[in-house]
C-alpha cells in the first residue's frame, strides 16, 4: 500500500468540504496515491504537462470525481484516457461500476495497468487501441470523453460503442455551442451540467448526447 502524502491528503479534504460528495478514507487514500503515481511516472513517461502534485490534485483528480454523481449505468468506456483520466478517479469513486480505459499509446496503458495493480482496482480494463478499431463485447452505458476530440469527431469515432440506450458524456471547458451545432442529425443533445471544481479558476461543463 502506498503511504499517502499528508499535505496532499489535507488539501484533498479541504477541497472535498466544499463538495457534496461522500468520499471515505479509503477512497481519499487511493486518490492521493494515484496523484503520487502520476508524479513518479511523469518524470520518465511524460504523462501530463502538469508537474506540481497540488495542481494535479485539482486539474486531474477533482476535475474527474465531480463527474461521478452524474453517471447512470454500470459499464463505461473512457476514450483517449491518457494517464487514466477521468477513468481511474471515477473507478475509485464508483467501485460498483466497470470501466474500460482506452488509449492508443502503449506507455499510457502500461502506466494505467501498473496504477490499477498498485491501487488494487479490479474494476478497470486497460486497452491499447484506436477508438474506431475497438470492438466492444457489448454496448456501453456511457462513453466518456475528456479533452479527446470535438463533439462531432467523438460521435463519429465512438458511435459504435453504444446502442440507443447509451449516452455520450463529453467533458468540456466552456460550453461548446459551435460543436453542438455541428452534431450529426442522428444525435440529440441531452443534459448540460455546469460542474464546479474546487480550486479551479475555469469553467467546466458536462454535456450528454444520445442517439436517436
N, C-alpha and C. Protein backbone atom coordinates (compact mmCIF):
# COMPACT_ATOMS: atom_id res chain seq x y z
N UNK A 1 0.85 -1.20 0.00
CA UNK A 1 0.00 0.00 0.00
C UNK A 1 0.88 1.25 0.00
N UNK A 2 0.54 2.19 -0.88
CA UNK A 2 1.34 3.42 -1.00
C UNK A 2 0.95 4.36 0.14
N UNK A 3 1.92 4.79 0.97
CA UNK A 3 1.55 5.75 2.01
C UNK A 3 1.14 7.09 1.39
N UNK A 4 0.03 7.63 1.84
CA UNK A 4 -0.48 8.87 1.25
C UNK A 4 0.27 10.08 1.80
N UNK A 5 0.62 10.99 0.91
CA UNK A 5 1.28 12.23 1.28
C UNK A 5 0.32 13.07 2.15
N UNK A 6 0.75 13.41 3.36
CA UNK A 6 -0.13 14.09 4.32
C UNK A 6 -0.59 15.45 3.83
N UNK A 7 0.31 16.17 3.17
CA UNK A 7 -0.03 17.52 2.68
C UNK A 7 -1.09 17.44 1.58
N UNK A 8 -0.91 16.49 0.66
CA UNK A 8 -1.89 16.31 -0.41
C UNK A 8 -3.24 15.86 0.15
N UNK A 9 -3.18 14.98 1.14
CA UNK A 9 -4.41 14.49 1.75
C UNK A 9 -5.17 15.62 2.44
N UNK A 10 -4.45 16.49 3.13
CA UNK A 10 -5.09 17.65 3.78
C UNK A 10 -5.73 18.57 2.74
N UNK A 11 -5.04 18.78 1.62
CA UNK A 11 -5.60 19.62 0.55
C UNK A 11 -6.87 19.00 -0.03
N UNK A 12 -6.81 17.68 -0.26
CA UNK A 12 -7.99 16.99 -0.80
C UNK A 12 -9.17 17.14 0.14
N UNK A 13 -8.94 16.93 1.43
CA UNK A 13 -10.03 17.02 2.42
C UNK A 13 -10.62 18.43 2.48
N UNK A 14 -9.74 19.42 2.33
CA UNK A 14 -10.19 20.81 2.33
C UNK A 14 -11.09 21.08 1.12
N UNK A 15 -10.67 20.60 -0.05
CA UNK A 15 -11.47 20.79 -1.27
C UNK A 15 -12.79 20.02 -1.21
N UNK A 16 -12.73 18.81 -0.66
CA UNK A 16 -13.94 17.99 -0.59
C UNK A 16 -15.00 18.61 0.31
N UNK A 17 -14.55 19.39 1.27
CA UNK A 17 -15.50 20.04 2.19
C UNK A 17 -16.48 20.94 1.44
N UNK A 18 -16.06 21.45 0.28
CA UNK A 18 -16.95 22.33 -0.49
C UNK A 18 -17.78 21.56 -1.52
N UNK A 19 -17.60 20.25 -1.57
CA UNK A 19 -18.39 19.41 -2.49
C UNK A 19 -19.34 18.54 -1.68
N UNK A 20 -20.49 18.24 -2.24
CA UNK A 20 -21.42 17.33 -1.54
C UNK A 20 -21.18 15.91 -2.03
N UNK A 21 -19.92 15.47 -1.95
CA UNK A 21 -19.54 14.13 -2.37
C UNK A 21 -19.11 13.32 -1.16
N UNK A 22 -19.62 12.10 -1.06
CA UNK A 22 -19.19 11.20 0.01
C UNK A 22 -17.92 10.48 -0.44
N UNK A 23 -16.80 10.80 0.18
CA UNK A 23 -15.54 10.15 -0.18
C UNK A 23 -14.90 9.63 1.10
N UNK A 24 -14.98 8.31 1.32
CA UNK A 24 -14.48 7.76 2.58
C UNK A 24 -12.95 7.76 2.60
N UNK A 25 -12.39 7.40 3.75
CA UNK A 25 -10.94 7.49 3.95
C UNK A 25 -10.17 6.61 2.96
N UNK A 26 -10.71 5.44 2.65
CA UNK A 26 -10.05 4.54 1.70
C UNK A 26 -9.96 5.15 0.31
N UNK A 27 -11.05 5.75 -0.14
CA UNK A 27 -11.07 6.40 -1.47
C UNK A 27 -10.14 7.61 -1.48
N UNK A 28 -10.14 8.37 -0.40
CA UNK A 28 -9.24 9.53 -0.31
C UNK A 28 -7.79 9.06 -0.45
N UNK A 29 -7.46 7.99 0.25
CA UNK A 29 -6.10 7.45 0.19
C UNK A 29 -5.75 7.08 -1.25
N UNK A 30 -6.65 6.38 -1.93
CA UNK A 30 -6.38 5.91 -3.29
C UNK A 30 -6.24 7.07 -4.27
N UNK A 31 -7.07 8.10 -4.10
CA UNK A 31 -6.97 9.27 -4.99
C UNK A 31 -5.61 9.96 -4.84
N UNK A 32 -5.15 10.09 -3.61
CA UNK A 32 -3.83 10.71 -3.36
C UNK A 32 -2.71 9.81 -3.86
N UNK A 33 -2.85 8.50 -3.63
CA UNK A 33 -1.83 7.55 -4.12
C UNK A 33 -1.73 7.63 -5.65
N UNK A 34 -2.86 7.84 -6.32
CA UNK A 34 -2.85 7.96 -7.78
C UNK A 34 -2.08 9.21 -8.22
N UNK A 35 -2.28 10.32 -7.51
CA UNK A 35 -1.50 11.54 -7.80
C UNK A 35 -0.01 11.25 -7.66
N UNK A 36 0.35 10.55 -6.60
CA UNK A 36 1.76 10.24 -6.35
C UNK A 36 2.34 9.34 -7.44
N UNK A 37 1.52 8.42 -7.94
CA UNK A 37 1.98 7.56 -9.04
C UNK A 37 2.19 8.34 -10.33
N UNK A 38 1.23 9.22 -10.65
CA UNK A 38 1.40 10.07 -11.86
C UNK A 38 2.68 10.88 -11.72
N UNK A 39 2.87 11.49 -10.56
CA UNK A 39 4.05 12.33 -10.33
C UNK A 39 5.34 11.53 -10.49
N UNK A 40 5.33 10.31 -9.97
CA UNK A 40 6.52 9.45 -10.04
C UNK A 40 6.83 9.03 -11.49
N UNK A 41 5.81 8.59 -12.19
CA UNK A 41 5.99 8.10 -13.56
C UNK A 41 6.17 9.22 -14.57
N UNK A 42 5.69 10.41 -14.22
CA UNK A 42 5.70 11.53 -15.17
C UNK A 42 7.12 11.90 -15.60
N UNK A 43 8.06 11.71 -14.70
CA UNK A 43 9.44 12.10 -14.99
C UNK A 43 10.00 11.32 -16.17
N UNK A 44 9.64 10.04 -16.27
CA UNK A 44 10.15 9.20 -17.36
C UNK A 44 9.17 9.10 -18.53
N UNK A 45 7.87 9.12 -18.21
CA UNK A 45 6.85 8.83 -19.23
C UNK A 45 6.16 10.06 -19.81
N UNK A 46 6.37 11.23 -19.17
CA UNK A 46 5.74 12.46 -19.63
C UNK A 46 4.23 12.28 -19.86
N UNK A 47 3.54 11.87 -18.81
CA UNK A 47 2.11 11.54 -18.89
C UNK A 47 1.23 12.79 -18.92
N UNK A 48 1.69 13.86 -18.30
CA UNK A 48 0.89 15.08 -18.22
C UNK A 48 1.83 16.29 -18.18
N UNK A 49 1.34 17.40 -18.72
CA UNK A 49 2.14 18.63 -18.68
C UNK A 49 2.10 19.29 -17.30
N UNK A 50 1.16 18.83 -16.46
CA UNK A 50 1.06 19.36 -15.09
C UNK A 50 2.16 18.69 -14.26
N UNK A 51 3.02 19.49 -13.65
CA UNK A 51 4.17 18.95 -12.92
C UNK A 51 4.02 18.99 -11.40
N UNK A 52 3.16 19.87 -10.91
CA UNK A 52 3.03 20.05 -9.46
C UNK A 52 1.91 19.16 -8.91
N UNK A 53 2.20 18.30 -7.94
CA UNK A 53 1.17 17.39 -7.40
C UNK A 53 -0.08 18.11 -6.87
N UNK A 54 0.10 19.29 -6.27
CA UNK A 54 -1.08 20.03 -5.78
C UNK A 54 -1.96 20.46 -6.96
N UNK A 55 -1.32 20.83 -8.05
CA UNK A 55 -2.07 21.21 -9.26
C UNK A 55 -2.74 19.98 -9.88
N UNK A 56 -2.05 18.84 -9.85
CA UNK A 56 -2.63 17.58 -10.34
C UNK A 56 -3.90 17.25 -9.56
N UNK A 57 -3.85 17.50 -8.26
CA UNK A 57 -4.98 17.20 -7.39
C UNK A 57 -6.24 17.92 -7.88
N UNK A 58 -6.09 19.18 -8.26
CA UNK A 58 -7.24 19.96 -8.73
C UNK A 58 -7.58 19.62 -10.18
N UNK A 59 -6.58 19.69 -11.06
CA UNK A 59 -6.84 19.58 -12.51
C UNK A 59 -7.12 18.16 -12.97
N UNK A 60 -6.64 17.17 -12.23
CA UNK A 60 -6.83 15.79 -12.64
C UNK A 60 -7.81 15.02 -11.74
N UNK A 61 -7.67 15.19 -10.43
CA UNK A 61 -8.49 14.38 -9.52
C UNK A 61 -9.87 15.01 -9.29
N UNK A 62 -9.89 16.24 -8.78
CA UNK A 62 -11.18 16.88 -8.51
C UNK A 62 -11.97 17.09 -9.79
N UNK A 63 -11.26 17.43 -10.87
CA UNK A 63 -11.89 17.65 -12.17
C UNK A 63 -12.55 16.37 -12.68
N UNK A 64 -12.05 15.20 -12.22
CA UNK A 64 -12.63 13.92 -12.63
C UNK A 64 -13.77 13.48 -11.70
N UNK A 65 -13.54 13.59 -10.39
CA UNK A 65 -14.52 12.99 -9.46
C UNK A 65 -15.84 13.77 -9.40
N UNK A 66 -15.84 15.05 -9.82
CA UNK A 66 -17.10 15.80 -9.83
C UNK A 66 -18.10 15.21 -10.84
N UNK A 67 -17.60 14.37 -11.74
CA UNK A 67 -18.45 13.74 -12.74
C UNK A 67 -19.23 12.56 -12.15
N UNK A 68 -18.70 11.96 -11.07
CA UNK A 68 -19.24 10.71 -10.53
C UNK A 68 -20.75 10.73 -10.27
N UNK A 69 -21.32 11.77 -9.66
CA UNK A 69 -22.76 11.74 -9.37
C UNK A 69 -23.64 11.74 -10.63
N UNK A 70 -23.05 12.07 -11.77
CA UNK A 70 -23.85 12.22 -12.99
C UNK A 70 -23.80 11.00 -13.91
N UNK A 71 -23.10 9.96 -13.47
CA UNK A 71 -23.01 8.75 -14.30
C UNK A 71 -24.16 7.80 -13.99
N UNK A 72 -24.88 7.41 -15.02
CA UNK A 72 -26.00 6.47 -14.86
C UNK A 72 -25.65 5.20 -15.62
N UNK A 73 -25.69 4.08 -14.91
CA UNK A 73 -25.34 2.81 -15.53
C UNK A 73 -24.20 2.15 -14.79
N UNK A 74 -23.66 1.08 -15.38
CA UNK A 74 -22.64 0.27 -14.71
C UNK A 74 -21.38 0.10 -15.55
N UNK A 75 -21.47 0.34 -16.84
CA UNK A 75 -20.43 -0.11 -17.77
C UNK A 75 -20.02 1.06 -18.67
N UNK A 76 -18.80 1.57 -18.45
CA UNK A 76 -18.38 2.79 -19.13
C UNK A 76 -17.05 2.59 -19.86
N UNK A 77 -16.85 3.39 -20.90
CA UNK A 77 -15.55 3.43 -21.56
C UNK A 77 -15.05 4.87 -21.55
N UNK A 78 -13.78 5.04 -21.21
CA UNK A 78 -13.12 6.35 -21.20
C UNK A 78 -12.19 6.37 -22.41
N UNK A 79 -12.59 7.10 -23.46
CA UNK A 79 -11.82 7.09 -24.71
C UNK A 79 -10.76 8.19 -24.69
N UNK A 80 -9.57 7.87 -25.18
CA UNK A 80 -8.47 8.83 -25.13
C UNK A 80 -8.16 9.17 -23.69
N UNK A 81 -8.05 8.13 -22.86
CA UNK A 81 -7.96 8.31 -21.41
C UNK A 81 -6.65 8.94 -20.94
N UNK A 82 -5.61 8.94 -21.81
CA UNK A 82 -4.32 9.49 -21.37
C UNK A 82 -3.77 8.65 -20.22
N UNK A 83 -3.39 9.29 -19.12
CA UNK A 83 -2.89 8.52 -17.97
C UNK A 83 -4.01 7.97 -17.08
N UNK A 84 -5.22 7.84 -17.64
CA UNK A 84 -6.33 7.29 -16.85
C UNK A 84 -7.26 8.34 -16.29
N UNK A 85 -7.50 9.39 -17.06
CA UNK A 85 -8.35 10.50 -16.61
C UNK A 85 -9.51 10.71 -17.58
N UNK A 86 -10.73 10.71 -17.07
CA UNK A 86 -11.16 10.62 -15.66
C UNK A 86 -11.35 9.19 -15.15
N UNK A 87 -10.99 8.19 -15.96
CA UNK A 87 -11.35 6.80 -15.65
C UNK A 87 -10.91 6.27 -14.31
N UNK A 88 -9.62 6.48 -13.94
CA UNK A 88 -9.15 5.91 -12.67
C UNK A 88 -9.80 6.59 -11.46
N UNK A 89 -9.83 7.92 -11.38
CA UNK A 89 -10.53 8.53 -10.24
C UNK A 89 -12.01 8.09 -10.16
N UNK A 90 -12.66 7.93 -11.31
CA UNK A 90 -14.07 7.51 -11.29
C UNK A 90 -14.19 6.05 -10.85
N UNK A 91 -13.23 5.21 -11.25
CA UNK A 91 -13.24 3.81 -10.81
C UNK A 91 -13.03 3.71 -9.30
N UNK A 92 -12.22 4.62 -8.75
CA UNK A 92 -12.03 4.67 -7.29
C UNK A 92 -13.34 5.08 -6.61
N UNK A 93 -14.00 6.08 -7.18
CA UNK A 93 -15.24 6.62 -6.59
C UNK A 93 -16.41 5.65 -6.72
N UNK A 94 -16.44 4.89 -7.82
CA UNK A 94 -17.60 4.04 -8.14
C UNK A 94 -17.16 2.58 -8.30
N UNK A 95 -16.80 1.93 -7.18
CA UNK A 95 -16.29 0.56 -7.27
C UNK A 95 -17.30 -0.44 -7.84
N UNK A 96 -18.59 -0.07 -7.83
CA UNK A 96 -19.62 -0.97 -8.34
C UNK A 96 -19.72 -0.91 -9.87
N UNK A 97 -19.04 0.05 -10.49
CA UNK A 97 -19.08 0.21 -11.95
C UNK A 97 -17.82 -0.36 -12.59
N UNK A 98 -17.95 -0.74 -13.87
CA UNK A 98 -16.82 -1.26 -14.64
C UNK A 98 -16.37 -0.20 -15.65
N UNK A 99 -15.07 -0.05 -15.81
CA UNK A 99 -14.52 0.96 -16.72
C UNK A 99 -13.50 0.33 -17.67
N UNK A 100 -13.70 0.56 -18.96
CA UNK A 100 -12.66 0.27 -19.95
C UNK A 100 -11.94 1.59 -20.22
N UNK A 101 -10.61 1.58 -20.05
CA UNK A 101 -9.80 2.78 -20.30
C UNK A 101 -9.02 2.55 -21.59
N UNK A 102 -9.32 3.35 -22.59
CA UNK A 102 -8.77 3.11 -23.92
C UNK A 102 -7.85 4.25 -24.35
N UNK A 103 -6.68 3.88 -24.84
CA UNK A 103 -5.74 4.87 -25.38
C UNK A 103 -4.87 4.18 -26.42
N UNK A 104 -4.38 4.95 -27.39
CA UNK A 104 -3.58 4.35 -28.46
C UNK A 104 -2.10 4.26 -28.11
N UNK A 105 -1.68 4.94 -27.02
CA UNK A 105 -0.26 4.96 -26.67
C UNK A 105 0.08 3.89 -25.63
N UNK A 106 1.04 3.04 -25.96
CA UNK A 106 1.41 1.94 -25.08
C UNK A 106 1.91 2.37 -23.72
N UNK A 107 2.68 3.47 -23.66
CA UNK A 107 3.24 3.88 -22.36
C UNK A 107 2.12 4.29 -21.39
N UNK A 108 1.06 4.88 -21.92
CA UNK A 108 -0.07 5.26 -21.05
C UNK A 108 -0.78 4.02 -20.52
N UNK A 109 -0.98 3.04 -21.40
CA UNK A 109 -1.65 1.81 -20.99
C UNK A 109 -0.80 1.06 -19.96
N UNK A 110 0.51 1.05 -20.15
CA UNK A 110 1.39 0.40 -19.16
C UNK A 110 1.26 1.07 -17.80
N UNK A 111 1.20 2.40 -17.82
CA UNK A 111 1.04 3.14 -16.56
C UNK A 111 -0.30 2.81 -15.91
N UNK A 112 -1.37 2.80 -16.70
CA UNK A 112 -2.71 2.52 -16.15
C UNK A 112 -2.76 1.13 -15.51
N UNK A 113 -2.18 0.14 -16.20
CA UNK A 113 -2.17 -1.23 -15.66
C UNK A 113 -1.40 -1.29 -14.34
N UNK A 114 -0.26 -0.58 -14.29
CA UNK A 114 0.53 -0.56 -13.06
C UNK A 114 -0.22 0.16 -11.94
N UNK A 115 -0.84 1.28 -12.28
CA UNK A 115 -1.60 2.04 -11.27
C UNK A 115 -2.76 1.20 -10.73
N UNK A 116 -3.49 0.54 -11.62
CA UNK A 116 -4.62 -0.30 -11.20
C UNK A 116 -4.13 -1.42 -10.28
N UNK A 117 -2.98 -1.98 -10.62
CA UNK A 117 -2.39 -3.05 -9.79
C UNK A 117 -2.01 -2.52 -8.41
N UNK A 118 -1.29 -1.39 -8.38
CA UNK A 118 -0.82 -0.84 -7.09
C UNK A 118 -1.97 -0.36 -6.22
N UNK A 119 -3.04 0.12 -6.85
CA UNK A 119 -4.19 0.63 -6.09
C UNK A 119 -5.22 -0.47 -5.80
N UNK A 120 -4.99 -1.66 -6.36
CA UNK A 120 -5.92 -2.76 -6.13
C UNK A 120 -7.27 -2.57 -6.77
N UNK A 121 -7.29 -1.88 -7.92
CA UNK A 121 -8.56 -1.62 -8.61
C UNK A 121 -8.87 -2.79 -9.55
N UNK A 122 -9.97 -3.47 -9.26
CA UNK A 122 -10.34 -4.63 -10.09
C UNK A 122 -11.44 -4.29 -11.11
N UNK A 123 -11.90 -3.05 -11.10
CA UNK A 123 -13.00 -2.66 -12.00
C UNK A 123 -12.51 -1.86 -13.21
N UNK A 124 -11.23 -2.08 -13.58
CA UNK A 124 -10.63 -1.38 -14.73
C UNK A 124 -10.07 -2.39 -15.71
N UNK A 125 -10.34 -2.18 -16.98
CA UNK A 125 -9.66 -2.91 -18.06
C UNK A 125 -8.98 -1.87 -18.95
N UNK A 126 -7.66 -1.99 -19.09
CA UNK A 126 -6.91 -1.04 -19.91
C UNK A 126 -6.72 -1.64 -21.31
N UNK A 127 -7.04 -0.87 -22.34
CA UNK A 127 -6.98 -1.36 -23.72
C UNK A 127 -6.17 -0.39 -24.57
N UNK A 128 -5.15 -0.93 -25.27
CA UNK A 128 -4.41 -0.11 -26.22
C UNK A 128 -5.02 -0.31 -27.60
N UNK A 129 -5.65 0.74 -28.11
CA UNK A 129 -6.30 0.67 -29.42
C UNK A 129 -6.69 2.06 -29.86
N UNK A 130 -6.85 2.22 -31.17
CA UNK A 130 -7.53 3.42 -31.67
C UNK A 130 -9.02 3.18 -31.47
N UNK A 131 -9.75 4.20 -31.10
CA UNK A 131 -11.15 4.01 -30.70
C UNK A 131 -11.99 3.45 -31.84
N UNK A 132 -11.72 3.88 -33.07
CA UNK A 132 -12.55 3.43 -34.18
C UNK A 132 -12.31 1.95 -34.53
N UNK A 133 -11.19 1.40 -34.02
CA UNK A 133 -10.88 -0.02 -34.28
C UNK A 133 -11.29 -0.94 -33.13
N UNK A 134 -11.72 -0.35 -32.02
CA UNK A 134 -12.07 -1.15 -30.84
C UNK A 134 -13.51 -1.67 -30.97
N UNK A 135 -13.66 -2.99 -30.82
CA UNK A 135 -14.99 -3.61 -30.92
C UNK A 135 -15.38 -4.11 -29.53
N UNK A 136 -16.39 -3.50 -28.91
CA UNK A 136 -16.78 -3.94 -27.56
C UNK A 136 -17.56 -5.25 -27.61
N UNK A 137 -17.49 -6.01 -26.53
CA UNK A 137 -18.25 -7.27 -26.47
C UNK A 137 -19.74 -6.99 -26.30
N UNK A 138 -20.07 -5.84 -25.74
CA UNK A 138 -21.47 -5.41 -25.63
C UNK A 138 -21.50 -3.89 -25.56
N UNK A 139 -22.63 -3.27 -25.87
CA UNK A 139 -22.68 -1.81 -25.84
C UNK A 139 -22.44 -1.26 -24.43
N UNK A 140 -21.82 -0.10 -24.37
CA UNK A 140 -21.57 0.57 -23.09
C UNK A 140 -22.77 1.40 -22.67
N UNK A 141 -22.89 1.61 -21.36
CA UNK A 141 -23.92 2.53 -20.84
C UNK A 141 -23.52 3.98 -21.10
N UNK A 142 -22.22 4.21 -21.12
CA UNK A 142 -21.75 5.58 -21.34
C UNK A 142 -20.36 5.62 -21.93
N UNK A 143 -20.14 6.59 -22.82
CA UNK A 143 -18.82 6.85 -23.40
C UNK A 143 -18.32 8.17 -22.85
N UNK A 144 -17.23 8.13 -22.11
CA UNK A 144 -16.65 9.34 -21.51
C UNK A 144 -15.55 9.89 -22.40
N UNK A 145 -15.57 11.20 -22.61
CA UNK A 145 -14.53 11.83 -23.40
C UNK A 145 -14.13 13.13 -22.73
N UNK A 146 -12.84 13.22 -22.39
CA UNK A 146 -12.32 14.43 -21.72
C UNK A 146 -11.11 14.90 -22.52
N UNK A 147 -11.21 16.06 -23.14
CA UNK A 147 -10.10 16.61 -23.92
C UNK A 147 -9.63 15.64 -25.01
N UNK A 148 -10.58 14.90 -25.57
CA UNK A 148 -10.23 13.87 -26.56
C UNK A 148 -10.43 14.38 -27.98
N UNK A 149 -11.57 15.00 -28.24
CA UNK A 149 -11.87 15.42 -29.61
C UNK A 149 -13.05 16.38 -29.57
N UNK A 150 -13.35 16.96 -30.72
CA UNK A 150 -14.57 17.77 -30.82
C UNK A 150 -15.78 16.85 -30.66
N UNK A 151 -16.93 17.43 -30.35
CA UNK A 151 -18.15 16.63 -30.19
C UNK A 151 -18.44 15.85 -31.47
N UNK A 152 -18.31 16.51 -32.62
CA UNK A 152 -18.59 15.86 -33.91
C UNK A 152 -17.68 14.66 -34.13
N UNK A 153 -16.38 14.83 -33.87
CA UNK A 153 -15.43 13.74 -34.06
C UNK A 153 -15.67 12.61 -33.06
N UNK A 154 -15.96 12.98 -31.81
CA UNK A 154 -16.24 11.96 -30.80
C UNK A 154 -17.41 11.08 -31.24
N UNK A 155 -18.48 11.71 -31.70
CA UNK A 155 -19.66 10.95 -32.11
C UNK A 155 -19.35 10.08 -33.32
N UNK A 156 -18.57 10.61 -34.24
CA UNK A 156 -18.21 9.86 -35.45
C UNK A 156 -17.39 8.63 -35.10
N UNK A 157 -16.38 8.81 -34.24
CA UNK A 157 -15.47 7.71 -33.91
C UNK A 157 -16.05 6.72 -32.91
N UNK A 158 -16.99 7.17 -32.09
CA UNK A 158 -17.45 6.35 -30.96
C UNK A 158 -18.88 5.84 -31.11
N UNK A 159 -19.54 6.13 -32.23
CA UNK A 159 -20.97 5.80 -32.31
C UNK A 159 -21.24 4.30 -32.21
N UNK A 160 -20.23 3.46 -32.54
CA UNK A 160 -20.42 2.00 -32.47
C UNK A 160 -20.31 1.46 -31.04
N UNK A 161 -19.98 2.31 -30.08
CA UNK A 161 -19.74 1.85 -28.71
C UNK A 161 -21.00 1.81 -27.85
N UNK A 162 -22.07 2.47 -28.32
CA UNK A 162 -23.33 2.46 -27.56
C UNK A 162 -24.49 2.10 -28.49
N UNK A 163 -25.58 1.63 -27.87
CA UNK A 163 -26.82 1.48 -28.63
C UNK A 163 -27.73 2.66 -28.28
N UNK A 164 -29.01 2.53 -28.59
CA UNK A 164 -29.91 3.67 -28.36
C UNK A 164 -30.09 3.98 -26.87
N UNK A 165 -29.71 3.03 -26.00
CA UNK A 165 -29.82 3.27 -24.56
C UNK A 165 -28.61 4.02 -24.01
N UNK A 166 -27.50 3.94 -24.71
CA UNK A 166 -26.25 4.51 -24.20
C UNK A 166 -26.18 6.01 -24.36
N UNK A 167 -25.23 6.61 -23.68
CA UNK A 167 -25.10 8.07 -23.71
C UNK A 167 -23.63 8.45 -23.89
N UNK A 168 -23.42 9.51 -24.63
CA UNK A 168 -22.09 10.10 -24.77
C UNK A 168 -21.95 11.20 -23.74
N UNK A 169 -20.83 11.19 -23.02
CA UNK A 169 -20.61 12.16 -21.95
C UNK A 169 -19.34 12.93 -22.28
N UNK A 170 -19.51 14.13 -22.81
CA UNK A 170 -18.36 14.96 -23.20
C UNK A 170 -18.05 15.92 -22.06
N UNK A 171 -16.80 15.88 -21.59
CA UNK A 171 -16.37 16.77 -20.51
C UNK A 171 -15.61 17.93 -21.15
N UNK A 172 -16.17 19.11 -21.03
CA UNK A 172 -15.66 20.28 -21.75
C UNK A 172 -15.34 21.41 -20.78
N UNK A 173 -14.61 22.40 -21.27
CA UNK A 173 -14.37 23.61 -20.51
C UNK A 173 -15.58 24.51 -20.65
N UNK A 174 -15.47 25.51 -21.49
CA UNK A 174 -16.63 26.35 -21.77
C UNK A 174 -17.67 25.55 -22.56
N UNK A 175 -18.93 25.97 -22.47
CA UNK A 175 -19.97 25.25 -23.21
C UNK A 175 -19.67 25.31 -24.71
N UNK A 176 -19.57 24.16 -25.38
CA UNK A 176 -19.13 24.14 -26.78
C UNK A 176 -20.28 24.35 -27.76
N UNK A 177 -20.82 25.56 -27.77
CA UNK A 177 -22.01 25.84 -28.59
C UNK A 177 -21.78 25.53 -30.07
N UNK A 178 -20.62 25.94 -30.61
CA UNK A 178 -20.34 25.70 -32.03
C UNK A 178 -20.29 24.21 -32.33
N UNK A 179 -19.66 23.45 -31.42
CA UNK A 179 -19.55 22.00 -31.64
C UNK A 179 -20.92 21.33 -31.60
N UNK A 180 -21.78 21.79 -30.72
CA UNK A 180 -23.12 21.22 -30.60
C UNK A 180 -23.91 21.46 -31.89
N UNK A 181 -23.74 22.64 -32.47
CA UNK A 181 -24.45 22.97 -33.71
C UNK A 181 -24.03 22.06 -34.86
N UNK A 182 -22.82 21.52 -34.79
CA UNK A 182 -22.30 20.67 -35.87
C UNK A 182 -22.61 19.19 -35.65
N UNK A 183 -23.42 18.88 -34.63
CA UNK A 183 -23.76 17.47 -34.36
C UNK A 183 -24.52 16.88 -35.53
N UNK A 184 -24.20 15.65 -35.93
CA UNK A 184 -24.97 14.98 -36.98
C UNK A 184 -26.43 14.80 -36.55
N UNK A 185 -27.36 14.72 -37.51
CA UNK A 185 -28.80 14.70 -37.18
C UNK A 185 -29.27 13.47 -36.42
N UNK A 186 -28.47 12.38 -36.45
CA UNK A 186 -28.92 11.16 -35.74
C UNK A 186 -28.64 11.22 -34.24
N UNK A 187 -28.13 12.36 -33.76
CA UNK A 187 -27.86 12.53 -32.34
C UNK A 187 -28.66 13.71 -31.80
N UNK A 188 -28.96 13.65 -30.50
CA UNK A 188 -29.67 14.78 -29.88
C UNK A 188 -28.99 15.15 -28.57
N UNK A 189 -29.05 16.42 -28.26
CA UNK A 189 -28.45 16.94 -27.03
C UNK A 189 -29.31 16.54 -25.84
N UNK A 190 -28.66 16.05 -24.79
CA UNK A 190 -29.36 15.71 -23.55
C UNK A 190 -29.15 16.82 -22.53
N UNK A 191 -28.64 16.44 -21.37
CA UNK A 191 -28.40 17.40 -20.29
C UNK A 191 -27.09 18.16 -20.52
N UNK A 192 -27.08 19.41 -20.08
CA UNK A 192 -25.83 20.17 -19.99
C UNK A 192 -25.71 20.62 -18.53
N UNK A 193 -24.65 20.18 -17.89
CA UNK A 193 -24.49 20.46 -16.45
C UNK A 193 -23.20 21.24 -16.24
N UNK A 194 -23.31 22.37 -15.58
CA UNK A 194 -22.11 23.13 -15.23
C UNK A 194 -21.51 22.51 -13.96
N UNK A 195 -20.27 22.13 -14.04
CA UNK A 195 -19.58 21.50 -12.92
C UNK A 195 -18.76 22.53 -12.16
N UNK A 196 -18.82 22.44 -10.85
CA UNK A 196 -17.99 23.32 -10.01
C UNK A 196 -16.82 22.50 -9.48
N UNK A 197 -15.62 22.88 -9.84
CA UNK A 197 -14.43 22.15 -9.40
C UNK A 197 -13.69 23.01 -8.39
N UNK A 198 -13.61 22.59 -7.12
CA UNK A 198 -12.93 23.41 -6.11
C UNK A 198 -11.48 23.68 -6.50
N UNK A 199 -11.08 24.94 -6.39
CA UNK A 199 -9.69 25.31 -6.66
C UNK A 199 -9.39 25.57 -8.12
N UNK A 200 -10.38 25.36 -9.00
CA UNK A 200 -10.14 25.55 -10.44
C UNK A 200 -10.78 26.84 -10.91
N UNK A 201 -9.96 27.72 -11.46
CA UNK A 201 -10.47 29.01 -11.93
C UNK A 201 -10.84 28.94 -13.41
N UNK A 202 -11.65 27.99 -13.76
CA UNK A 202 -12.04 27.83 -15.16
C UNK A 202 -13.40 27.15 -15.22
N UNK A 203 -14.10 27.37 -16.33
CA UNK A 203 -15.41 26.74 -16.50
C UNK A 203 -15.26 25.27 -16.83
N UNK A 204 -16.22 24.48 -16.38
CA UNK A 204 -16.30 23.06 -16.73
C UNK A 204 -17.76 22.71 -17.00
N UNK A 205 -17.99 21.99 -18.08
CA UNK A 205 -19.34 21.55 -18.42
C UNK A 205 -19.35 20.07 -18.75
N UNK A 206 -20.41 19.40 -18.33
CA UNK A 206 -20.66 18.02 -18.73
C UNK A 206 -21.82 18.05 -19.71
N UNK A 207 -21.59 17.51 -20.90
CA UNK A 207 -22.59 17.54 -21.96
C UNK A 207 -22.96 16.10 -22.32
N UNK A 208 -24.25 15.77 -22.20
CA UNK A 208 -24.68 14.42 -22.57
C UNK A 208 -25.37 14.46 -23.93
N UNK A 209 -25.11 13.42 -24.71
CA UNK A 209 -25.66 13.32 -26.07
C UNK A 209 -26.19 11.91 -26.26
N UNK A 210 -27.35 11.81 -26.91
CA UNK A 210 -27.98 10.49 -27.13
C UNK A 210 -28.13 10.22 -28.63
N UNK A 211 -28.17 8.94 -28.94
CA UNK A 211 -28.51 8.53 -30.31
C UNK A 211 -30.03 8.54 -30.45
N UNK A 212 -30.52 8.93 -31.61
CA UNK A 212 -31.97 8.85 -31.87
C UNK A 212 -32.38 7.39 -31.98
